[in-house]
Amino acid sequence: MAPSSKSVVVIGTRGYPSYYGGFETAVRRIAPYLADEGWDVTVYGRTGSTRDEDPGRDPRVHTVVTGGIEKKSLSTLTYGLTACWHAAWHKPDVALVMNVANGFWLPLLRMRGIKTLVNVDGIEWDRQKWGRLAKLTFRIGAKLTARWGNRMVYDAEAIAERWKRDFGVDGVFIPYGGDEPAETLPVPEGLTRRGYVLVVARFVPENTVGEFFDAVEALGQNHDVVIVGSSGYGGELDERAEDLAARLPRVQWLGHVSDDAKLHALWQHAGVYFHGHSVGGTNPALVQAMACGAPTVARDTVYNREVLGEGAVLTAPEPQAIIQACERMLGDADLQEHSAATALERSRAIYTWDRVCGAYEENLAELAG
């Protein structure tokens, strides 16, 4: 590792720059910010998850690819082990660790005197997508994180309360940020402003994707519907999205979209953005939708209420309730503009990347100092 006044490694993501999920989105912003502040930054990653020629890459951010097993239930654990082992050998001043599954390996870093700032993510052991063994692994990883991590990061106040209750540890609240478009982007081709329903989600059960697809059977008869996302591994929900787009002319399935400008335009002009995430904390897609001023219908959860405040229509997860909430928003221009304006105002007040990155830098500096 190159000599520097202060050095940090990032462990637990797919690499830099990567566009896979919330952790990767955060690291794309945090890593260059830390470099601006004089840090020597190294991000650990996985084979094939990044591109060296990516125009979004900051050349000051070093990357290290370690080994691991590319299976849904083993990838985080195995890549986390090899990254922690490599970091322990090279001994940076501090480590930013993403995901409690890496709690198993924190003793390696503690043994070498490396302080850790750990983003605990959501309550992974509550997620339906994991089997019994995976849920147990995450639960044990969380206990070990509480024992061996130096400082926890919670992306929602509700997550902080849960960790205080379950594990007796405090931490710091640092959410995700959003990028407010600098201008009004062109309306996506084939769509009309405020005239379509949009969903952006990974295809897992706890994101209410199956129930939303049931609702699309009716919504897609009279309204344009745009589906962004996939499971990443194929499966039943991907097949359903493909089938809906094939049968209903007003339904589009775009799969995973890594073009930020395209996504921002879809959010900016949507008539309804449906957000069905039921677990986790502050969701990066929701925060970005707010920064784009998207009128939002969200599943009624403690996390979504915390992030959205008073600006959204909240709904039960049943298909008929989703249909009614989306049609209510689509049919009321005043409600759409109120929801959009409230979301944007809240985004500017709380969920900006400058605020988020500054909080990470401050906490890493305290631990390293």
Protein backbone atom coordinates (compact mmCIF):
# COMPACT_ATOMS: atom_id res chain seq x y z
CA MET A 1 0.00 0.00 0.00
CA ALA A 2 1.44 3.39 -0.98
CA PRO A 3 2.64 5.58 1.91
CA SER A 4 0.20 8.31 2.88
CA SER A 5 -0.74 10.37 5.91
CA LYS A 6 -3.85 8.19 6.36
CA SER A 7 -5.00 5.03 4.63
CA VAL A 8 -8.38 3.32 4.40
CA VAL A 9 -9.58 0.10 2.81
CA VAL A 10 -13.16 -0.68 1.81
CA ILE A 11 -14.24 -4.30 2.34
CA GLY A 12 -17.53 -6.00 1.47
CA THR A 13 -18.58 -4.60 -1.92
CA ARG A 14 -18.20 -5.98 -5.43
CA GLY A 15 -15.50 -3.44 -6.21
CA TYR A 16 -14.92 0.01 -7.63
CA PRO A 17 -16.53 1.32 -9.68
CA SER A 18 -19.43 -1.12 -9.58
CA TYR A 19 -23.13 -0.55 -10.26
CA TYR A 20 -24.58 -3.61 -8.56
CA GLY A 21 -26.38 -2.22 -5.51
CA GLY A 22 -26.55 0.29 -2.69
CA PHE A 23 -23.13 -0.43 -1.20
CA GLU A 24 -21.49 -0.07 -4.61
CA THR A 25 -23.35 3.18 -5.27
CA ALA A 26 -22.12 4.56 -1.96
CA VAL A 27 -18.52 3.53 -2.59
CA ARG A 28 -18.56 5.23 -6.01
CA ARG A 29 -19.15 8.49 -4.13
CA ILE A 30 -17.28 7.92 -0.87
CA ALA A 31 -13.98 6.67 -2.35
CA PRO A 32 -13.23 9.75 -4.53
CA TYR A 33 -14.40 12.03 -1.69
CA LEU A 34 -11.89 10.42 0.66
CA ALA A 35 -9.17 10.80 -1.99
CA ASP A 36 -10.04 14.52 -2.19
CA GLU A 37 -9.55 14.70 1.60
CA GLY A 38 -6.05 13.25 1.35
CA TRP A 39 -6.74 9.59 2.08
CA ASP A 40 -4.97 6.69 0.41
CA VAL A 41 -8.02 4.63 -0.63
CA THR A 42 -8.12 0.94 -1.57
CA VAL A 43 -11.35 -0.85 -2.50
CA TYR A 44 -11.49 -4.66 -2.48
CA GLY A 45 -13.55 -6.30 -5.20
CA ARG A 46 -14.47 -9.44 -7.08
CA THR A 47 -13.37 -10.84 -10.40
CA GLY A 48 -15.40 -9.50 -13.32
CA SER A 49 -17.41 -6.98 -11.27
CA THR A 50 -15.62 -3.85 -12.53
CA ARG A 51 -14.08 -2.51 -15.75
CA ASP A 52 -10.68 -0.85 -15.77
CA GLU A 53 -11.71 1.38 -18.68
CA ASP A 54 -14.86 2.63 -16.90
CA PRO A 55 -15.04 6.43 -17.42
CA GLY A 56 -16.41 6.76 -13.89
CA ARG A 57 -13.21 5.42 -12.34
CA ASP A 58 -11.12 7.82 -10.26
CA PRO A 59 -7.48 6.87 -10.87
CA ARG A 60 -6.57 7.83 -7.30
CA VAL A 61 -8.68 4.96 -5.93
CA HIS A 62 -6.70 1.72 -5.80
CA THR A 63 -8.46 -1.59 -6.36
CA VAL A 64 -7.54 -5.09 -5.22
CA VAL A 65 -9.35 -8.20 -6.48
CA THR A 66 -9.23 -11.18 -4.12
CA GLY A 67 -10.55 -14.72 -4.46
CA GLY A 68 -13.89 -16.15 -3.45
CA ILE A 69 -16.69 -18.54 -4.33
CA GLU A 70 -19.28 -17.11 -6.73
CA LYS A 71 -22.39 -18.61 -5.15
CA LYS A 72 -25.30 -16.64 -3.74
CA SER A 73 -24.86 -18.02 -0.20
CA LEU A 74 -21.04 -18.02 -0.10
CA SER A 75 -19.79 -15.05 -2.12
CA THR A 76 -19.95 -12.40 0.62
CA LEU A 77 -18.36 -14.68 3.23
CA THR A 78 -15.53 -15.95 1.05
CA TYR A 79 -14.60 -12.66 -0.61
CA GLY A 80 -14.81 -10.99 2.79
CA LEU A 81 -12.37 -13.48 4.26
CA THR A 82 -9.75 -13.00 1.53
CA ALA A 83 -10.13 -9.20 1.63
CA CYS A 84 -9.76 -9.08 5.42
CA TRP A 85 -6.75 -11.37 5.26
CA HIS A 86 -5.10 -9.13 2.63
CA ALA A 87 -5.93 -5.99 4.61
CA ALA A 88 -4.59 -7.50 7.83
CA TRP A 89 -1.30 -8.20 6.05
CA HIS A 90 -0.98 -4.66 4.65
CA LYS A 91 -2.31 -2.92 7.79
CA PRO A 92 -4.12 0.30 6.75
CA ASP A 93 -5.04 2.86 9.40
CA VAL A 94 -8.75 2.07 9.25
CA ALA A 95 -11.22 -0.14 7.38
CA LEU A 96 -14.70 0.67 6.12
CA VAL A 97 -16.53 -2.66 6.22
CA MET A 98 -19.87 -3.18 4.50
CA ASN A 99 -22.21 -5.99 5.60
CA VAL A 100 -22.36 -7.90 8.89
CA ALA A 101 -21.46 -11.18 7.16
CA ASN A 102 -17.90 -9.89 7.44
CA GLY A 103 -18.27 -9.91 11.22
CA PHE A 104 -16.71 -13.38 11.18
CA TRP A 105 -13.44 -11.88 9.96
CA LEU A 106 -13.28 -8.68 12.03
CA PRO A 107 -11.04 -10.35 14.64
CA LEU A 108 -8.35 -10.56 11.92
CA LEU A 109 -8.41 -6.78 11.62
CA ARG A 110 -8.69 -6.19 15.38
CA MET A 111 -5.70 -8.45 15.97
CA ARG A 112 -3.63 -6.22 13.69
CA GLY A 113 -4.79 -3.04 15.36
CA ILE A 114 -6.94 -1.92 12.41
CA LYS A 115 -9.98 0.09 13.53
CA THR A 116 -13.26 -0.66 11.71
CA LEU A 117 -16.26 1.44 10.75
CA VAL A 118 -18.98 -1.08 9.86
CA ASN A 119 -22.08 -0.34 7.79
CA VAL A 120 -24.45 -3.01 9.11
CA ASP A 121 -26.88 -2.70 6.16
CA GLY A 122 -30.43 -3.90 6.87
CA ILE A 123 -31.72 -6.71 9.06
CA GLU A 124 -30.52 -9.44 6.70
CA TRP A 125 -31.83 -12.30 8.82
CA ASP A 126 -35.36 -10.97 8.29
CA ARG A 127 -35.11 -11.18 4.49
CA GLN A 128 -37.26 -13.79 2.75
CA LYS A 129 -34.68 -14.39 0.03
CA TRP A 130 -32.35 -16.17 2.47
CA GLY A 131 -32.77 -19.74 3.65
CA ARG A 132 -32.55 -20.82 7.29
CA LEU A 133 -28.77 -21.37 7.24
CA ALA A 134 -28.07 -18.01 5.58
CA LYS A 135 -30.32 -16.19 8.08
CA LEU A 136 -28.47 -17.88 10.96
CA THR A 137 -25.14 -16.90 9.40
CA PHE A 138 -26.17 -13.24 9.16
CA ARG A 139 -27.49 -13.26 12.72
CA ILE A 140 -24.24 -14.70 14.08
CA GLY A 141 -22.28 -12.28 11.87
CA ALA A 142 -24.23 -9.39 13.39
CA LYS A 143 -23.44 -10.56 16.93
CA LEU A 144 -19.76 -10.84 16.03
CA THR A 145 -19.87 -7.40 14.38
CA ALA A 146 -21.32 -5.92 17.57
CA ARG A 147 -18.52 -7.62 19.53
CA TRP A 148 -15.53 -6.92 17.26
CA GLY A 149 -16.41 -3.82 15.23
CA ASN A 150 -15.22 -0.47 16.55
CA ARG A 151 -18.11 1.70 15.35
CA MET A 152 -21.41 0.86 13.66
CA VAL A 153 -23.04 2.84 10.85
CA TYR A 154 -26.84 2.66 10.60
CA ASP A 155 -28.47 3.98 7.44
CA ALA A 156 -31.80 4.51 9.23
CA GLU A 157 -32.79 5.50 12.75
CA ALA A 158 -35.05 2.43 12.90
CA ILE A 159 -32.05 0.19 12.23
CA ALA A 160 -30.15 1.92 15.05
CA GLU A 161 -33.04 1.25 17.44
CA ARG A 162 -33.15 -2.42 16.41
CA TRP A 163 -29.40 -2.87 17.00
CA LYS A 164 -29.59 -1.14 20.35
CA ARG A 165 -32.41 -3.47 21.38
CA ASP A 166 -30.93 -6.71 19.99
CA PHE A 167 -27.19 -6.22 20.56
CA GLY A 168 -26.85 -3.34 23.01
CA VAL A 169 -24.58 -1.21 20.80
CA ASP A 170 -24.85 2.40 19.67
CA GLY A 171 -23.45 3.87 16.47
CA VAL A 172 -23.87 6.71 14.01
CA PHE A 173 -26.69 7.44 11.59
CA ILE A 174 -25.43 7.93 8.03
CA PRO A 175 -28.02 7.36 5.27
CA TYR A 176 -27.53 7.17 1.51
CA GLY A 177 -27.46 10.17 -0.79
CA GLY A 178 -29.07 11.09 -4.05
CA ASP A 179 -27.96 13.02 -7.13
CA GLU A 180 -30.37 15.80 -8.05
CA PRO A 181 -30.37 16.22 -11.84
CA ALA A 182 -28.90 19.56 -12.87
CA GLU A 183 -31.69 20.11 -15.37
CA THR A 184 -34.95 18.67 -16.62
CA LEU A 185 -34.00 15.62 -18.66
CA PRO A 186 -35.83 14.58 -21.85
CA VAL A 187 -38.92 12.45 -21.35
CA PRO A 188 -37.95 8.83 -22.13
CA GLU A 189 -38.93 7.79 -25.63
CA GLY A 190 -42.43 6.37 -25.97
CA LEU A 191 -43.60 7.70 -22.60
CA THR A 192 -45.45 10.81 -21.43
CA ARG A 193 -44.57 12.95 -18.41
CA ARG A 194 -46.48 11.87 -15.31
CA GLY A 195 -48.24 9.22 -17.38
CA TYR A 196 -46.54 5.94 -16.41
CA VAL A 197 -45.88 3.67 -13.46
CA LEU A 198 -42.24 2.88 -12.67
CA VAL A 199 -40.66 0.26 -10.43
CA VAL A 200 -36.91 -0.04 -9.79
CA ALA A 201 -36.00 -3.02 -7.63
CA ARG A 202 -33.97 -6.16 -7.28
CA PHE A 203 -36.29 -9.10 -7.85
CA VAL A 204 -36.55 -10.57 -4.36
CA PRO A 205 -39.76 -11.36 -2.43
CA GLU A 206 -39.30 -8.74 0.31
CA ASN A 207 -39.37 -5.98 -2.34
CA THR A 208 -43.04 -6.80 -3.06
CA VAL A 209 -42.10 -7.58 -6.66
CA GLY A 210 -44.48 -10.54 -7.05
CA GLU A 211 -47.43 -8.54 -5.71
CA PHE A 212 -46.53 -5.61 -7.96
CA PHE A 213 -46.44 -7.93 -10.98
CA ASP A 214 -49.93 -9.14 -10.02
CA ALA A 215 -51.02 -5.50 -9.97
CA VAL A 216 -49.44 -4.90 -13.38
CA GLU A 217 -51.87 -7.39 -14.91
CA ALA A 218 -54.54 -4.70 -14.35
CA LEU A 219 -52.44 -1.53 -14.43
CA GLY A 220 -50.84 -2.54 -17.73
CA GLN A 221 -54.21 -2.64 -19.47
CA ASN A 222 -54.70 1.13 -19.23
CA HIS A 223 -51.34 2.62 -18.27
CA ASP A 224 -47.72 2.44 -19.36
CA VAL A 225 -45.61 0.45 -16.89
CA VAL A 226 -41.80 0.41 -16.84
CA ILE A 227 -40.01 -2.33 -14.89
CA VAL A 228 -36.32 -1.85 -14.05
CA GLY A 229 -34.41 -4.60 -12.30
CA SER A 230 -33.72 -8.32 -12.19
CA SER A 231 -32.78 -10.98 -9.66
CA GLY A 232 -29.19 -11.14 -10.86
CA TYR A 233 -29.46 -14.92 -10.88
CA GLY A 234 -32.50 -15.55 -13.12
CA GLY A 235 -35.60 -17.30 -11.84
CA GLU A 236 -39.36 -17.04 -11.53
CA LEU A 237 -39.65 -13.27 -11.10
CA ASP A 238 -37.43 -12.59 -14.12
CA GLU A 239 -39.63 -14.97 -16.13
CA ARG A 240 -42.75 -13.14 -14.96
CA ALA A 241 -41.33 -9.76 -15.97
CA GLU A 242 -40.45 -11.13 -19.40
CA ASP A 243 -43.93 -12.61 -19.76
CA LEU A 244 -45.69 -9.37 -18.76
CA ALA A 245 -43.67 -7.38 -21.29
CA ALA A 246 -44.41 -9.94 -24.00
CA ARG A 247 -48.18 -10.09 -23.38
CA LEU A 248 -49.01 -6.49 -22.51
CA PRO A 249 -48.03 -3.87 -25.12
CA ARG A 250 -47.90 -1.06 -22.54
CA VAL A 251 -45.42 -2.88 -20.27
CA GLN A 252 -41.64 -2.59 -20.71
CA TRP A 253 -39.03 -4.64 -18.86
CA LEU A 254 -35.62 -2.97 -19.11
CA GLY A 255 -33.68 -5.34 -16.85
CA HIS A 256 -30.76 -3.87 -14.92
CA VAL A 257 -30.01 -0.28 -15.98
CA SER A 258 -26.56 1.14 -15.11
CA ASP A 259 -27.01 4.37 -17.11
CA ASP A 260 -27.64 6.96 -14.40
CA ALA A 261 -29.02 9.56 -16.83
CA LYS A 262 -31.58 7.08 -18.15
CA LEU A 263 -32.67 6.09 -14.66
CA HIS A 264 -32.87 9.70 -13.51
CA ALA A 265 -35.06 10.61 -16.48
CA LEU A 266 -37.38 7.68 -15.73
CA TRP A 267 -37.77 8.83 -12.11
CA GLN A 268 -38.03 12.52 -13.01
CA HIS A 269 -40.99 12.06 -15.35
CA ALA A 270 -42.80 9.11 -13.75
CA GLY A 271 -46.44 9.46 -12.84
CA VAL A 272 -45.89 6.97 -10.03
CA TYR A 273 -42.73 5.41 -8.66
CA PHE A 274 -43.71 2.26 -6.75
CA HIS A 275 -41.32 1.38 -3.92
CA GLY A 276 -42.13 -1.98 -2.37
CA HIS A 277 -39.06 -2.62 -0.21
CA SER A 278 -40.15 -3.98 3.17
CA VAL A 279 -36.86 -4.63 5.00
CA GLY A 280 -33.53 -2.87 5.16
CA GLY A 281 -33.22 0.74 6.18
CA THR A 282 -32.77 3.78 3.96
CA ASN A 283 -32.98 2.40 0.44
CA PRO A 284 -30.64 3.97 -2.14
CA ALA A 285 -33.16 3.69 -4.98
CA LEU A 286 -35.81 5.47 -2.92
CA VAL A 287 -33.43 8.28 -1.99
CA GLN A 288 -32.45 8.72 -5.64
CA ALA A 289 -36.09 8.75 -6.69
CA MET A 290 -36.70 11.53 -4.15
CA ALA A 291 -33.75 13.54 -5.52
CA CYS A 292 -35.34 13.26 -8.97
CA GLY A 293 -38.73 14.43 -7.67
CA ALA A 294 -40.64 11.22 -8.32
CA PRO A 295 -44.25 11.01 -7.06
CA THR A 296 -44.07 7.94 -4.84
CA VAL A 297 -46.35 5.12 -3.77
CA ALA A 298 -44.54 3.05 -1.15
CA ARG A 299 -45.22 -0.03 0.89
CA ASP A 300 -46.14 1.07 4.40
CA THR A 301 -43.12 0.17 6.59
CA VAL A 302 -41.28 1.90 9.41
CA TYR A 303 -38.29 2.45 7.11
CA ASN A 304 -40.25 3.98 4.22
CA ARG A 305 -42.19 6.24 6.61
CA GLU A 306 -38.91 7.46 8.11
CA VAL A 307 -37.36 8.30 4.74
CA LEU A 308 -40.38 9.74 2.93
CA GLY A 309 -41.97 11.78 5.70
CA GLU A 310 -45.35 13.15 4.60
CA GLY A 311 -44.81 13.22 0.86
CA ALA A 312 -45.89 9.79 -0.35
CA VAL A 313 -48.96 7.59 -0.63
CA LEU A 314 -48.42 4.51 1.56
CA THR A 315 -50.07 1.21 0.74
CA ALA A 316 -50.54 -2.33 1.95
CA PRO A 317 -48.65 -4.95 -0.08
CA GLU A 318 -51.71 -6.64 -1.58
CA PRO A 319 -52.10 -6.30 -5.39
CA GLN A 320 -55.51 -4.60 -5.21
CA ALA A 321 -54.20 -2.02 -2.73
CA ILE A 322 -51.22 -1.34 -5.01
CA ILE A 323 -53.55 -0.87 -7.98
CA GLN A 324 -55.77 1.58 -6.08
CA ALA A 325 -52.81 3.61 -4.75
CA CYS A 326 -51.13 3.86 -8.16
CA GLU A 327 -54.34 4.84 -9.94
CA ARG A 328 -55.06 7.42 -7.25
CA MET A 329 -51.66 9.04 -7.86
CA LEU A 330 -51.93 8.79 -11.66
CA GLY A 331 -55.35 10.42 -11.61
CA ASP A 332 -54.49 13.42 -9.42
CA ALA A 333 -52.02 15.94 -10.88
CA ASP A 334 -52.04 18.04 -7.70
CA LEU A 335 -51.16 14.99 -5.59
CA GLN A 336 -48.37 14.09 -8.02
CA GLU A 337 -46.78 17.53 -7.81
CA HIS A 338 -47.17 17.69 -4.02
CA SER A 339 -45.50 14.29 -3.65
CA ALA A 340 -42.70 15.24 -6.06
CA ALA A 341 -42.02 18.61 -4.37
CA THR A 342 -42.08 17.16 -0.86
CA ALA A 343 -39.70 14.34 -1.83
CA LEU A 344 -37.24 16.76 -3.42
CA GLU A 345 -37.32 19.12 -0.43
CA ARG A 346 -36.66 16.24 1.98
CA SER A 347 -33.85 14.94 -0.24
CA ARG A 348 -32.09 18.31 -0.18
CA ALA A 349 -32.45 18.59 3.60
CA ILE A 350 -31.23 15.13 4.63
CA TYR A 351 -30.13 12.84 1.78
CA THR A 352 -27.28 14.52 -0.09
CA TRP A 353 -24.00 12.86 -0.99
CA ASP A 354 -21.95 15.76 0.38
CA ARG A 355 -23.55 15.26 3.78
CA VAL A 356 -23.17 11.46 3.59
CA CYS A 357 -19.55 11.44 2.42
CA GLY A 358 -18.59 14.07 4.95
CA ALA A 359 -20.03 11.95 7.77
CA TYR A 360 -18.08 8.89 6.63
CA GLU A 361 -14.84 10.89 6.40
CA GLU A 362 -15.35 12.41 9.84
CA ASN A 363 -15.91 9.02 11.49
CA LEU A 364 -13.04 7.32 9.66
CA ALA A 365 -10.71 10.16 10.68
CA GLU A 366 -11.74 9.85 14.32
CA LEU A 367 -11.06 6.10 14.29
CA ALA A 368 -7.76 6.48 12.45
CA GLY A 369 -6.62 9.34 14.65
